[in-house]
Amino acid sequence: MGGGSAPSLTAWERRTLDRSLDDARQRALGKGHRFLQAAGEIMIETGGLAFTIQDLAERSQLSLGSFYKAFSGKEELLLALFEESVVLGVSMQASVIADIADPLEQLEACLTWLAAPRALLGEEDNPGARALAELRFTLASSRPADLARALEPQLQILNDVLQRAVANGQVRNDIPARRLAEMVWAVAAEANHNSILRTGILDDAEAPGNVWEFCRSALLMHA
């Protein structure tokens, strides 16, 4: 039996292989986005998560094999959908605060955006927002570590704003900015989800302003 090692690739072979791999990655990502779009459409239509992988394949006009090349299963797709919603939300917040110079005012804009009862604006109900709110609680139970990673972009934008506010002497410095970001996010997110799910708690138009005043008082203490 021969014991020689396989010949190494030449430069053009490596370039060709890299291009092939890049093309395959792009195709996989494109199909993954089509499955996510299909899931989002079904969630908006039904207001829930009770769809099957077959439903996604039919809606996206892709095969089951394509689905399993992009995701390990429905749970993985739902996590990806939640990750996309967080990234979109952070992008919207960044746009909201782009023209605001004062860190404390930036924080107010972020938190009132987060706490706003968006499910009640413009529609009787928002089935897609309801499904995402339910998904957050599902992930908190089934995949808490993945949920924490998915929420990292949201916590990071709050942390960045709070660090600037601390540096300006506007916010208390006896608690790390990161921990403050986690606490104010928890308050604002709870108000948002209560509104979306219509629990009767913090689901009125005054809630975002109330949340900000509560957080502002806590943040200014001992500043």
N, C-alpha and C. Protein backbone atom coordinates (compact mmCIF):
# COMPACT_ATOMS: atom_id res chain seq x y z
N MET A 1 0.84 -1.20 0.00
CA MET A 1 0.00 0.00 0.00
C MET A 1 0.87 1.25 0.00
N GLY A 2 0.54 2.22 -0.83
CA GLY A 2 1.34 3.43 -0.88
C GLY A 2 1.06 4.31 0.30
N GLY A 3 2.11 4.96 0.79
CA GLY A 3 1.93 5.83 1.96
C GLY A 3 2.13 7.28 1.64
N GLY A 4 2.19 7.64 0.34
CA GLY A 4 2.43 9.04 -0.01
C GLY A 4 1.23 9.91 0.28
N SER A 5 1.48 11.16 0.62
CA SER A 5 0.40 12.10 0.89
C SER A 5 -0.18 12.62 -0.42
N ALA A 6 -1.43 13.09 -0.37
CA ALA A 6 -2.08 13.62 -1.56
C ALA A 6 -1.35 14.89 -2.00
N PRO A 7 -1.25 15.11 -3.31
CA PRO A 7 -0.56 16.31 -3.79
C PRO A 7 -1.29 17.56 -3.37
N SER A 8 -0.53 18.59 -3.07
CA SER A 8 -1.15 19.85 -2.67
C SER A 8 -1.76 20.54 -3.88
N LEU A 9 -2.74 21.40 -3.62
CA LEU A 9 -3.41 22.11 -4.71
C LEU A 9 -2.52 23.22 -5.23
N THR A 10 -2.60 23.44 -6.53
CA THR A 10 -1.90 24.58 -7.10
C THR A 10 -2.70 25.84 -6.81
N ALA A 11 -2.13 26.99 -7.12
CA ALA A 11 -2.80 28.26 -6.83
C ALA A 11 -4.12 28.38 -7.56
N TRP A 12 -4.16 27.99 -8.88
CA TRP A 12 -5.42 28.13 -9.61
C TRP A 12 -6.47 27.16 -9.10
N GLU A 13 -6.02 25.96 -8.66
CA GLU A 13 -6.97 25.00 -8.10
C GLU A 13 -7.59 25.53 -6.81
N ARG A 14 -6.78 26.17 -5.97
CA ARG A 14 -7.33 26.75 -4.73
C ARG A 14 -8.33 27.86 -5.03
N ARG A 15 -7.98 28.70 -6.04
CA ARG A 15 -8.90 29.79 -6.40
C ARG A 15 -10.21 29.23 -6.93
N THR A 16 -10.12 28.21 -7.76
CA THR A 16 -11.33 27.60 -8.32
C THR A 16 -12.19 26.98 -7.22
N LEU A 17 -11.52 26.27 -6.29
CA LEU A 17 -12.25 25.66 -5.19
C LEU A 17 -12.89 26.72 -4.31
N ASP A 18 -12.17 27.80 -4.05
CA ASP A 18 -12.72 28.87 -3.21
C ASP A 18 -13.96 29.47 -3.87
N ARG A 19 -13.89 29.68 -5.18
CA ARG A 19 -15.06 30.23 -5.88
C ARG A 19 -16.24 29.28 -5.81
N SER A 20 -15.96 28.00 -5.98
CA SER A 20 -17.03 27.00 -5.90
C SER A 20 -17.67 26.99 -4.53
N LEU A 21 -16.83 27.06 -3.49
CA LEU A 21 -17.36 27.07 -2.13
C LEU A 21 -18.16 28.34 -1.87
N ASP A 22 -17.65 29.47 -2.38
CA ASP A 22 -18.37 30.74 -2.20
C ASP A 22 -19.72 30.68 -2.89
N ASP A 23 -19.77 30.12 -4.09
CA ASP A 23 -21.04 29.99 -4.81
C ASP A 23 -22.01 29.11 -4.03
N ALA A 24 -21.51 28.00 -3.48
CA ALA A 24 -22.36 27.09 -2.71
C ALA A 24 -22.89 27.78 -1.47
N ARG A 25 -22.01 28.55 -0.81
CA ARG A 25 -22.46 29.27 0.40
C ARG A 25 -23.55 30.27 0.04
N GLN A 26 -23.36 31.02 -1.04
CA GLN A 26 -24.35 32.01 -1.44
C GLN A 26 -25.69 31.35 -1.79
N ARG A 27 -25.63 30.21 -2.48
CA ARG A 27 -26.88 29.50 -2.80
C ARG A 27 -27.58 29.03 -1.53
N ALA A 28 -26.79 28.51 -0.58
CA ALA A 28 -27.37 28.03 0.68
C ALA A 28 -28.00 29.18 1.45
N LEU A 29 -27.30 30.33 1.50
CA LEU A 29 -27.84 31.48 2.21
C LEU A 29 -29.10 32.00 1.53
N GLY A 30 -29.09 32.01 0.20
CA GLY A 30 -30.27 32.47 -0.52
C GLY A 30 -31.48 31.60 -0.23
N LYS A 31 -31.29 30.30 -0.21
CA LYS A 31 -32.40 29.39 0.10
C LYS A 31 -32.82 29.54 1.55
N GLY A 32 -31.84 29.74 2.44
CA GLY A 32 -32.17 29.94 3.85
C GLY A 32 -33.05 31.17 4.03
N HIS A 33 -32.73 32.25 3.32
CA HIS A 33 -33.55 33.47 3.41
C HIS A 33 -34.94 33.23 2.85
N ARG A 34 -35.06 32.42 1.82
CA ARG A 34 -36.39 32.12 1.28
C ARG A 34 -37.24 31.34 2.28
N PHE A 35 -36.62 30.43 3.01
CA PHE A 35 -37.36 29.71 4.06
C PHE A 35 -37.76 30.65 5.19
N LEU A 36 -36.86 31.57 5.55
CA LEU A 36 -37.19 32.54 6.61
C LEU A 36 -38.33 33.45 6.17
N GLN A 37 -38.30 33.87 4.91
CA GLN A 37 -39.38 34.71 4.40
C GLN A 37 -40.71 33.96 4.43
N ALA A 38 -40.67 32.70 4.03
CA ALA A 38 -41.89 31.88 4.05
C ALA A 38 -42.42 31.74 5.47
N ALA A 39 -41.51 31.50 6.43
CA ALA A 39 -41.93 31.37 7.83
C ALA A 39 -42.54 32.67 8.33
N GLY A 40 -41.92 33.80 7.98
CA GLY A 40 -42.45 35.09 8.40
C GLY A 40 -43.83 35.35 7.84
N GLU A 41 -44.03 35.00 6.58
CA GLU A 41 -45.35 35.20 5.96
C GLU A 41 -46.42 34.36 6.66
N ILE A 42 -46.07 33.11 6.96
CA ILE A 42 -47.05 32.24 7.62
C ILE A 42 -47.35 32.74 9.03
N MET A 43 -46.32 33.21 9.73
CA MET A 43 -46.53 33.74 11.08
C MET A 43 -47.44 34.96 11.05
N ILE A 44 -47.25 35.84 10.06
CA ILE A 44 -48.10 37.03 9.95
C ILE A 44 -49.54 36.63 9.65
N GLU A 45 -49.71 35.62 8.81
CA GLU A 45 -51.06 35.18 8.43
C GLU A 45 -51.78 34.48 9.57
N THR A 46 -51.04 33.69 10.34
CA THR A 46 -51.68 32.84 11.36
C THR A 46 -51.51 33.35 12.78
N GLY A 47 -50.46 34.17 13.01
CA GLY A 47 -50.20 34.65 14.36
C GLY A 47 -49.64 33.59 15.28
N GLY A 48 -49.11 32.51 14.71
CA GLY A 48 -48.58 31.44 15.55
C GLY A 48 -47.39 30.75 14.92
N LEU A 49 -46.93 29.71 15.60
CA LEU A 49 -45.74 28.97 15.17
C LEU A 49 -46.08 27.55 14.73
N ALA A 50 -47.37 27.25 14.59
CA ALA A 50 -47.80 25.87 14.30
C ALA A 50 -47.80 25.59 12.81
N PHE A 51 -46.64 25.77 12.18
CA PHE A 51 -46.50 25.39 10.78
C PHE A 51 -45.46 24.28 10.69
N THR A 52 -45.50 23.55 9.60
CA THR A 52 -44.59 22.43 9.42
C THR A 52 -43.48 22.78 8.43
N ILE A 53 -42.46 21.96 8.39
CA ILE A 53 -41.39 22.14 7.41
C ILE A 53 -41.95 21.96 6.01
N GLN A 54 -42.91 21.07 5.86
CA GLN A 54 -43.56 20.89 4.56
C GLN A 54 -44.28 22.16 4.13
N ASP A 55 -44.93 22.84 5.09
CA ASP A 55 -45.57 24.13 4.79
C ASP A 55 -44.55 25.12 4.24
N LEU A 56 -43.37 25.15 4.86
CA LEU A 56 -42.32 26.07 4.43
C LEU A 56 -41.82 25.71 3.04
N ALA A 57 -41.66 24.43 2.78
CA ALA A 57 -41.18 23.98 1.47
C ALA A 57 -42.18 24.37 0.38
N GLU A 58 -43.46 24.19 0.66
CA GLU A 58 -44.47 24.53 -0.33
C GLU A 58 -44.54 26.04 -0.55
N ARG A 59 -44.47 26.81 0.53
CA ARG A 59 -44.55 28.27 0.41
C ARG A 59 -43.33 28.83 -0.33
N SER A 60 -42.17 28.32 -0.03
CA SER A 60 -40.93 28.83 -0.64
C SER A 60 -40.64 28.21 -2.00
N GLN A 61 -41.39 27.15 -2.35
CA GLN A 61 -41.17 26.40 -3.59
C GLN A 61 -39.76 25.83 -3.65
N LEU A 62 -39.32 25.33 -2.51
CA LEU A 62 -38.03 24.66 -2.40
C LEU A 62 -38.26 23.27 -1.84
N SER A 63 -37.27 22.42 -1.95
CA SER A 63 -37.41 21.04 -1.51
C SER A 63 -37.11 20.88 -0.03
N LEU A 64 -37.57 19.77 0.52
CA LEU A 64 -37.23 19.45 1.90
C LEU A 64 -35.72 19.27 2.05
N GLY A 65 -35.09 18.72 1.02
CA GLY A 65 -33.64 18.57 1.06
C GLY A 65 -32.94 19.91 1.17
N SER A 66 -33.45 20.91 0.47
CA SER A 66 -32.87 22.26 0.56
C SER A 66 -33.03 22.82 1.96
N PHE A 67 -34.18 22.52 2.59
CA PHE A 67 -34.39 23.01 3.96
C PHE A 67 -33.32 22.43 4.89
N TYR A 68 -33.11 21.14 4.81
CA TYR A 68 -32.19 20.50 5.75
C TYR A 68 -30.72 20.81 5.45
N LYS A 69 -30.45 21.35 4.26
CA LYS A 69 -29.11 21.85 4.00
C LYS A 69 -28.89 23.22 4.66
N ALA A 70 -29.99 23.95 4.87
CA ALA A 70 -29.90 25.28 5.47
C ALA A 70 -30.09 25.25 6.98
N PHE A 71 -30.95 24.36 7.47
CA PHE A 71 -31.28 24.31 8.89
C PHE A 71 -31.34 22.85 9.36
N SER A 72 -31.01 22.64 10.62
CA SER A 72 -31.06 21.28 11.15
C SER A 72 -32.49 20.85 11.45
N GLY A 73 -33.40 21.80 11.59
CA GLY A 73 -34.79 21.49 11.88
C GLY A 73 -35.58 22.77 12.08
N LYS A 74 -36.85 22.63 12.42
CA LYS A 74 -37.72 23.79 12.59
C LYS A 74 -37.23 24.69 13.72
N GLU A 75 -36.73 24.10 14.81
CA GLU A 75 -36.27 24.90 15.93
C GLU A 75 -35.11 25.81 15.53
N GLU A 76 -34.22 25.29 14.69
CA GLU A 76 -33.09 26.08 14.21
C GLU A 76 -33.58 27.23 13.34
N LEU A 77 -34.58 26.97 12.52
CA LEU A 77 -35.15 28.03 11.69
C LEU A 77 -35.80 29.12 12.55
N LEU A 78 -36.53 28.72 13.57
CA LEU A 78 -37.19 29.70 14.45
C LEU A 78 -36.16 30.56 15.16
N LEU A 79 -35.05 29.96 15.57
CA LEU A 79 -33.98 30.74 16.19
C LEU A 79 -33.43 31.76 15.19
N ALA A 80 -33.20 31.32 13.95
CA ALA A 80 -32.70 32.23 12.92
C ALA A 80 -33.69 33.37 12.67
N LEU A 81 -34.97 33.06 12.69
CA LEU A 81 -36.00 34.07 12.48
C LEU A 81 -35.96 35.10 13.61
N PHE A 82 -35.78 34.63 14.84
CA PHE A 82 -35.69 35.55 15.96
C PHE A 82 -34.44 36.41 15.86
N GLU A 83 -33.31 35.80 15.49
CA GLU A 83 -32.07 36.55 15.32
C GLU A 83 -32.24 37.66 14.29
N GLU A 84 -32.92 37.35 13.19
CA GLU A 84 -33.16 38.35 12.15
C GLU A 84 -34.02 39.49 12.68
N SER A 85 -35.02 39.17 13.50
CA SER A 85 -35.90 40.21 14.04
C SER A 85 -35.13 41.14 14.98
N VAL A 86 -34.19 40.58 15.75
CA VAL A 86 -33.38 41.41 16.65
C VAL A 86 -32.48 42.35 15.85
N VAL A 87 -31.82 41.81 14.83
CA VAL A 87 -30.93 42.63 14.00
C VAL A 87 -31.71 43.75 13.32
N LEU A 88 -32.91 43.45 12.83
CA LEU A 88 -33.74 44.47 12.20
C LEU A 88 -34.13 45.54 13.22
N GLY A 89 -34.51 45.12 14.42
CA GLY A 89 -34.89 46.08 15.46
C GLY A 89 -33.74 46.99 15.85
N VAL A 90 -32.55 46.43 15.97
CA VAL A 90 -31.38 47.23 16.33
C VAL A 90 -31.05 48.23 15.22
N SER A 91 -31.20 47.79 13.96
CA SER A 91 -30.97 48.69 12.84
C SER A 91 -31.94 49.87 12.87
N MET A 92 -33.18 49.59 13.22
CA MET A 92 -34.18 50.66 13.31
C MET A 92 -33.86 51.61 14.46
N GLN A 93 -33.42 51.06 15.58
CA GLN A 93 -33.04 51.93 16.71
C GLN A 93 -31.83 52.79 16.37
N ALA A 94 -30.85 52.21 15.69
CA ALA A 94 -29.67 52.97 15.29
C ALA A 94 -30.06 54.13 14.39
N SER A 95 -31.04 53.90 13.53
CA SER A 95 -31.52 54.97 12.66
C SER A 95 -32.23 56.05 13.47
N VAL A 96 -32.99 55.63 14.48
CA VAL A 96 -33.72 56.59 15.31
C VAL A 96 -32.77 57.51 16.07
N ILE A 97 -31.65 56.97 16.56
CA ILE A 97 -30.75 57.78 17.40
C ILE A 97 -29.61 58.42 16.62
N ALA A 98 -29.56 58.19 15.30
CA ALA A 98 -28.42 58.66 14.51
C ALA A 98 -28.23 60.17 14.60
N ASP A 99 -29.32 60.92 14.67
CA ASP A 99 -29.23 62.38 14.68
C ASP A 99 -29.36 62.97 16.08
N ILE A 100 -29.28 62.12 17.10
CA ILE A 100 -29.36 62.59 18.49
C ILE A 100 -27.96 62.57 19.08
N ALA A 101 -27.53 63.70 19.61
CA ALA A 101 -26.16 63.79 20.13
C ALA A 101 -26.05 63.38 21.59
N ASP A 102 -27.06 63.69 22.37
CA ASP A 102 -26.99 63.46 23.82
C ASP A 102 -27.24 61.99 24.14
N PRO A 103 -26.32 61.32 24.85
CA PRO A 103 -26.49 59.89 25.16
C PRO A 103 -27.77 59.57 25.93
N LEU A 104 -28.14 60.44 26.86
CA LEU A 104 -29.35 60.17 27.65
C LEU A 104 -30.59 60.24 26.76
N GLU A 105 -30.59 61.18 25.82
CA GLU A 105 -31.71 61.27 24.89
C GLU A 105 -31.71 60.07 23.93
N GLN A 106 -30.52 59.60 23.57
CA GLN A 106 -30.43 58.39 22.75
C GLN A 106 -31.03 57.20 23.50
N LEU A 107 -30.71 57.10 24.78
CA LEU A 107 -31.23 56.00 25.58
C LEU A 107 -32.75 56.08 25.69
N GLU A 108 -33.27 57.29 25.89
CA GLU A 108 -34.72 57.47 25.94
C GLU A 108 -35.36 57.00 24.64
N ALA A 109 -34.76 57.37 23.51
CA ALA A 109 -35.31 56.98 22.21
C ALA A 109 -35.31 55.45 22.06
N CYS A 110 -34.21 54.82 22.45
CA CYS A 110 -34.12 53.36 22.33
C CYS A 110 -35.16 52.67 23.21
N LEU A 111 -35.27 53.11 24.45
CA LEU A 111 -36.15 52.41 25.39
C LEU A 111 -37.62 52.65 25.08
N THR A 112 -37.97 53.86 24.67
CA THR A 112 -39.38 54.09 24.32
C THR A 112 -39.72 53.35 23.03
N TRP A 113 -38.74 53.22 22.12
CA TRP A 113 -38.97 52.40 20.92
C TRP A 113 -39.21 50.96 21.31
N LEU A 114 -38.39 50.45 22.22
CA LEU A 114 -38.55 49.06 22.66
C LEU A 114 -39.87 48.84 23.38
N ALA A 115 -40.26 49.79 24.22
CA ALA A 115 -41.44 49.61 25.06
C ALA A 115 -42.74 49.96 24.34
N ALA A 116 -42.63 50.57 23.16
CA ALA A 116 -43.84 51.03 22.47
C ALA A 116 -44.78 49.88 22.17
N PRO A 117 -46.06 50.07 22.38
CA PRO A 117 -47.05 49.02 22.07
C PRO A 117 -47.29 48.95 20.57
N ARG A 118 -46.28 48.46 19.83
CA ARG A 118 -46.36 48.48 18.37
C ARG A 118 -47.52 47.63 17.87
N ALA A 119 -47.93 46.63 18.63
CA ALA A 119 -49.04 45.78 18.18
C ALA A 119 -50.34 46.55 18.09
N LEU A 120 -50.42 47.69 18.78
CA LEU A 120 -51.66 48.46 18.80
C LEU A 120 -51.64 49.61 17.81
N LEU A 121 -50.52 49.80 17.09
CA LEU A 121 -50.40 50.95 16.21
C LEU A 121 -50.80 50.57 14.78
N GLY A 122 -51.85 51.19 14.30
CA GLY A 122 -52.24 51.01 12.92
C GLY A 122 -53.12 49.80 12.64
N GLU A 123 -53.22 48.87 13.57
CA GLU A 123 -54.01 47.66 13.33
C GLU A 123 -54.74 47.27 14.61
N GLU A 124 -55.81 46.52 14.43
CA GLU A 124 -56.47 45.94 15.59
C GLU A 124 -55.55 44.97 16.30
N ASP A 125 -54.78 44.23 15.51
CA ASP A 125 -53.87 43.25 16.08
C ASP A 125 -52.69 43.08 15.13
N ASN A 126 -51.61 42.51 15.62
CA ASN A 126 -50.44 42.27 14.79
C ASN A 126 -50.01 40.82 15.00
N PRO A 127 -50.53 39.91 14.19
CA PRO A 127 -50.25 38.48 14.40
C PRO A 127 -48.77 38.14 14.35
N GLY A 128 -48.01 38.80 13.45
CA GLY A 128 -46.58 38.50 13.36
C GLY A 128 -45.83 38.88 14.63
N ALA A 129 -46.17 40.04 15.19
CA ALA A 129 -45.54 40.47 16.43
C ALA A 129 -45.91 39.54 17.58
N ARG A 130 -47.15 39.09 17.58
CA ARG A 130 -47.59 38.14 18.61
C ARG A 130 -46.79 36.84 18.52
N ALA A 131 -46.60 36.34 17.30
CA ALA A 131 -45.86 35.10 17.13
C ALA A 131 -44.41 35.26 17.58
N LEU A 132 -43.79 36.42 17.28
CA LEU A 132 -42.41 36.65 17.71
C LEU A 132 -42.30 36.74 19.23
N ALA A 133 -43.30 37.36 19.86
CA ALA A 133 -43.30 37.44 21.31
C ALA A 133 -43.39 36.05 21.93
N GLU A 134 -44.25 35.22 21.36
CA GLU A 134 -44.37 33.84 21.85
C GLU A 134 -43.07 33.07 21.60
N LEU A 135 -42.42 33.37 20.47
CA LEU A 135 -41.17 32.69 20.14
C LEU A 135 -40.08 33.01 21.16
N ARG A 136 -40.05 34.25 21.62
CA ARG A 136 -39.05 34.62 22.63
C ARG A 136 -39.20 33.74 23.86
N PHE A 137 -40.42 33.54 24.32
CA PHE A 137 -40.64 32.74 25.53
C PHE A 137 -40.35 31.25 25.25
N THR A 138 -40.64 30.81 24.04
CA THR A 138 -40.32 29.42 23.67
C THR A 138 -38.81 29.20 23.71
N LEU A 139 -38.06 30.12 23.13
CA LEU A 139 -36.60 30.00 23.12
C LEU A 139 -36.02 30.12 24.53
N ALA A 140 -36.63 30.96 25.36
CA ALA A 140 -36.15 31.10 26.74
C ALA A 140 -36.24 29.78 27.48
N SER A 141 -37.23 28.97 27.12
CA SER A 141 -37.40 27.68 27.78
C SER A 141 -36.55 26.59 27.14
N SER A 142 -36.50 26.57 25.79
CA SER A 142 -35.85 25.45 25.11
C SER A 142 -34.39 25.69 24.78
N ARG A 143 -34.01 26.96 24.52
CA ARG A 143 -32.63 27.25 24.10
C ARG A 143 -32.16 28.56 24.71
N PRO A 144 -32.06 28.62 26.04
CA PRO A 144 -31.72 29.89 26.70
C PRO A 144 -30.37 30.46 26.29
N ALA A 145 -29.37 29.63 26.09
CA ALA A 145 -28.05 30.14 25.70
C ALA A 145 -28.10 30.75 24.30
N ASP A 146 -28.83 30.10 23.39
CA ASP A 146 -28.97 30.65 22.04
C ASP A 146 -29.77 31.95 22.05
N LEU A 147 -30.78 32.02 22.91
CA LEU A 147 -31.56 33.25 23.03
C LEU A 147 -30.67 34.39 23.50
N ALA A 148 -29.82 34.11 24.49
CA ALA A 148 -28.91 35.15 25.00
C ALA A 148 -28.00 35.66 23.89
N ARG A 149 -27.49 34.75 23.06
CA ARG A 149 -26.62 35.17 21.95
C ARG A 149 -27.41 35.98 20.93
N ALA A 150 -28.65 35.58 20.68
CA ALA A 150 -29.47 36.30 19.71
C ALA A 150 -29.76 37.72 20.17
N LEU A 151 -29.89 37.92 21.47
CA LEU A 151 -30.21 39.24 22.02
C LEU A 151 -28.98 40.14 22.16
N GLU A 152 -27.80 39.61 21.91
CA GLU A 152 -26.57 40.37 22.14
C GLU A 152 -26.52 41.68 21.36
N PRO A 153 -26.91 41.73 20.08
CA PRO A 153 -26.89 43.03 19.38
C PRO A 153 -27.76 44.09 20.06
N GLN A 154 -28.92 43.67 20.59
CA GLN A 154 -29.79 44.61 21.29
C GLN A 154 -29.14 45.14 22.57
N LEU A 155 -28.55 44.24 23.33
CA LEU A 155 -27.89 44.67 24.57
C LEU A 155 -26.67 45.52 24.27
N GLN A 156 -26.00 45.25 23.15
CA GLN A 156 -24.79 45.99 22.82
C GLN A 156 -25.09 47.45 22.49
N ILE A 157 -26.17 47.71 21.75
CA ILE A 157 -26.48 49.10 21.43
C ILE A 157 -26.85 49.88 22.69
N LEU A 158 -27.56 49.23 23.61
CA LEU A 158 -27.88 49.89 24.88
C LEU A 158 -26.62 50.10 25.71
N ASN A 159 -25.75 49.10 25.73
CA ASN A 159 -24.51 49.21 26.49
C ASN A 159 -23.65 50.35 25.96
N ASP A 160 -23.55 50.47 24.64
CA ASP A 160 -22.73 51.54 24.05
C ASP A 160 -23.26 52.92 24.44
N VAL A 161 -24.58 53.08 24.37
CA VAL A 161 -25.18 54.36 24.74
C VAL A 161 -24.96 54.65 26.22
N LEU A 162 -25.14 53.63 27.06
CA LEU A 162 -24.96 53.82 28.50
C LEU A 162 -23.51 54.13 28.85
N GLN A 163 -22.57 53.52 28.17
CA GLN A 163 -21.16 53.83 28.42
C GLN A 163 -20.86 55.29 28.13
N ARG A 164 -21.44 55.82 27.06
CA ARG A 164 -21.25 57.24 26.75
C ARG A 164 -21.90 58.12 27.80
N ALA A 165 -23.07 57.69 28.28
CA ALA A 165 -23.76 58.46 29.32
C ALA A 165 -22.98 58.45 30.63
N VAL A 166 -22.38 57.32 30.96
CA VAL A 166 -21.54 57.22 32.16
C VAL A 166 -20.33 58.14 32.02
N ALA A 167 -19.70 58.11 30.84
CA ALA A 167 -18.53 58.95 30.61
C ALA A 167 -18.87 60.43 30.72
N ASN A 168 -20.11 60.80 30.38
CA ASN A 168 -20.55 62.19 30.48
C ASN A 168 -21.01 62.55 31.88
N GLY A 169 -21.02 61.60 32.80
CA GLY A 169 -21.50 61.86 34.15
C GLY A 169 -23.00 61.97 34.24
N GLN A 170 -23.72 61.42 33.26
CA GLN A 170 -25.18 61.52 33.24
C GLN A 170 -25.87 60.35 33.93
N VAL A 171 -25.14 59.26 34.08
CA VAL A 171 -25.73 58.03 34.59
C VAL A 171 -24.83 57.48 35.70
N ARG A 172 -25.44 56.82 36.65
CA ARG A 172 -24.72 56.23 37.77
C ARG A 172 -23.59 55.33 37.28
N ASN A 173 -22.50 55.33 38.04
CA ASN A 173 -21.34 54.51 37.65
C ASN A 173 -21.00 53.44 38.67
N ASP A 174 -21.89 53.22 39.65
CA ASP A 174 -21.62 52.20 40.66
C ASP A 174 -22.06 50.81 40.21
N ILE A 175 -22.75 50.73 39.07
CA ILE A 175 -23.15 49.46 38.46
C ILE A 175 -22.61 49.47 37.04
N PRO A 176 -21.98 48.38 36.59
CA PRO A 176 -21.44 48.35 35.22
C PRO A 176 -22.50 48.68 34.18
N ALA A 177 -22.08 49.38 33.13
CA ALA A 177 -23.01 49.77 32.07
C ALA A 177 -23.70 48.56 31.46
N ARG A 178 -22.96 47.48 31.32
CA ARG A 178 -23.54 46.27 30.73
C ARG A 178 -24.70 45.75 31.57
N ARG A 179 -24.53 45.74 32.89
CA ARG A 179 -25.62 45.28 33.75
C ARG A 179 -26.81 46.23 33.69
N LEU A 180 -26.53 47.53 33.62
CA LEU A 180 -27.61 48.50 33.48
C LEU A 180 -28.37 48.25 32.18
N ALA A 181 -27.63 47.96 31.10
CA ALA A 181 -28.26 47.68 29.81
C ALA A 181 -29.19 46.48 29.92
N GLU A 182 -28.74 45.44 30.59
CA GLU A 182 -29.55 44.23 30.75
C GLU A 182 -30.83 44.53 31.53
N MET A 183 -30.72 45.36 32.57
CA MET A 183 -31.90 45.63 33.41
C MET A 183 -32.91 46.51 32.70
N VAL A 184 -32.46 47.58 32.02
CA VAL A 184 -33.43 48.46 31.36
C VAL A 184 -34.04 47.75 30.16
N TRP A 185 -33.25 46.89 29.49
CA TRP A 185 -33.84 46.11 28.39
C TRP A 185 -34.95 45.22 28.93
N ALA A 186 -34.73 44.57 30.05
CA ALA A 186 -35.73 43.66 30.61
C ALA A 186 -37.04 44.39 30.89
N VAL A 187 -36.95 45.61 31.42
CA VAL A 187 -38.16 46.38 31.73
C VAL A 187 -38.88 46.76 30.44
N ALA A 188 -38.13 47.29 29.46
CA ALA A 188 -38.75 47.73 28.20
C ALA A 188 -39.32 46.56 27.41
N ALA A 189 -38.58 45.45 27.36
CA ALA A 189 -39.05 44.29 26.60
C ALA A 189 -40.31 43.71 27.21
N GLU A 190 -40.38 43.71 28.54
CA GLU A 190 -41.58 43.17 29.19
C GLU A 190 -42.80 44.03 28.86
N ALA A 191 -42.61 45.35 28.83
CA ALA A 191 -43.72 46.24 28.47
C ALA A 191 -44.16 45.98 27.03
N ASN A 192 -43.19 45.80 26.15
CA ASN A 192 -43.49 45.53 24.76
C ASN A 192 -44.29 44.24 24.59
N HIS A 193 -43.82 43.18 25.24
CA HIS A 193 -44.49 41.90 25.08
C HIS A 193 -45.86 41.88 25.75
N ASN A 194 -45.99 42.58 26.87
CA ASN A 194 -47.31 42.68 27.50
C ASN A 194 -48.29 43.36 26.57
N SER A 195 -47.81 44.39 25.86
CA SER A 195 -48.68 45.09 24.93
C SER A 195 -49.06 44.18 23.76
N ILE A 196 -48.06 43.51 23.19
CA ILE A 196 -48.32 42.66 22.03
C ILE A 196 -49.27 41.52 22.38
N LEU A 197 -49.07 40.91 23.55
CA LEU A 197 -49.89 39.78 23.96
C LEU A 197 -51.18 40.21 24.65
N ARG A 198 -51.34 41.54 24.83
CA ARG A 198 -52.57 42.09 25.42
C ARG A 198 -52.90 41.47 26.77
N THR A 199 -51.93 41.52 27.67
CA THR A 199 -52.14 40.95 29.00
C THR A 199 -52.93 41.87 29.93
N GLY A 200 -53.11 43.12 29.53
CA GLY A 200 -53.76 44.08 30.42
C GLY A 200 -52.78 44.79 31.33
N ILE A 201 -51.50 44.41 31.28
CA ILE A 201 -50.46 45.04 32.09
C ILE A 201 -49.51 45.77 31.15
N LEU A 202 -49.30 47.06 31.37
CA LEU A 202 -48.39 47.85 30.54
C LEU A 202 -48.71 47.73 29.06
N ASP A 203 -50.02 47.70 28.72
CA ASP A 203 -50.38 47.57 27.31
C ASP A 203 -51.14 48.79 26.80
N ASP A 204 -50.93 49.95 27.46
CA ASP A 204 -51.61 51.16 27.03
C ASP A 204 -50.60 52.14 26.45
N ALA A 205 -51.12 53.21 25.85
CA ALA A 205 -50.27 54.17 25.16
C ALA A 205 -49.33 54.92 26.09
N GLU A 206 -49.63 54.94 27.39
CA GLU A 206 -48.77 55.64 28.35
C GLU A 206 -47.57 54.81 28.78
N ALA A 207 -47.59 53.52 28.51
CA ALA A 207 -46.56 52.62 29.03
C ALA A 207 -45.14 52.99 28.61
N PRO A 208 -44.87 53.31 27.33
CA PRO A 208 -43.48 53.64 26.96
C PRO A 208 -42.92 54.81 27.74
N GLY A 209 -43.71 55.87 27.90
CA GLY A 209 -43.25 57.02 28.68
C GLY A 209 -43.04 56.66 30.15
N ASN A 210 -43.93 55.85 30.69
CA ASN A 210 -43.79 55.41 32.08
C ASN A 210 -42.53 54.58 32.27
N VAL A 211 -42.27 53.69 31.31
CA VAL A 211 -41.07 52.86 31.37
C VAL A 211 -39.82 53.74 31.37
N TRP A 212 -39.79 54.74 30.49
CA TRP A 212 -38.61 55.60 30.43
C TRP A 212 -38.43 56.38 31.73
N GLU A 213 -39.49 56.94 32.29
CA GLU A 213 -39.37 57.70 33.52
C GLU A 213 -38.87 56.82 34.66
N PHE A 214 -39.37 55.58 34.70
CA PHE A 214 -38.93 54.64 35.73
C PHE A 214 -37.44 54.34 35.57
N CYS A 215 -37.03 54.03 34.34
CA CYS A 215 -35.61 53.71 34.09
C CYS A 215 -34.72 54.93 34.31
N ARG A 216 -35.18 56.10 33.89
CA ARG A 216 -34.37 57.31 34.07
C ARG A 216 -34.09 57.58 35.53
N SER A 217 -35.12 57.44 36.37
CA SER A 217 -34.95 57.65 37.81
C SER A 217 -33.94 56.69 38.39
N ALA A 218 -34.02 55.43 37.98
CA ALA A 218 -33.07 54.43 38.49
C ALA A 218 -31.66 54.69 37.99
N LEU A 219 -31.52 55.13 36.76
CA LEU A 219 -30.19 55.35 36.19
C LEU A 219 -29.51 56.58 36.75
N LEU A 220 -30.30 57.59 37.10
CA LEU A 220 -29.72 58.83 37.61
C LEU A 220 -29.34 58.73 39.08
N MET A 221 -29.87 57.75 39.80
CA MET A 221 -29.60 57.61 41.21
C MET A 221 -28.11 57.43 41.46
N HIS A 222 -27.54 58.23 42.33
CA HIS A 222 -26.12 58.19 42.70
C HIS A 222 -25.19 58.56 41.55
N ALA A 223 -25.71 59.21 40.53
CA ALA A 223 -24.84 59.56 39.39
C ALA A 223 -23.79 60.58 39.81
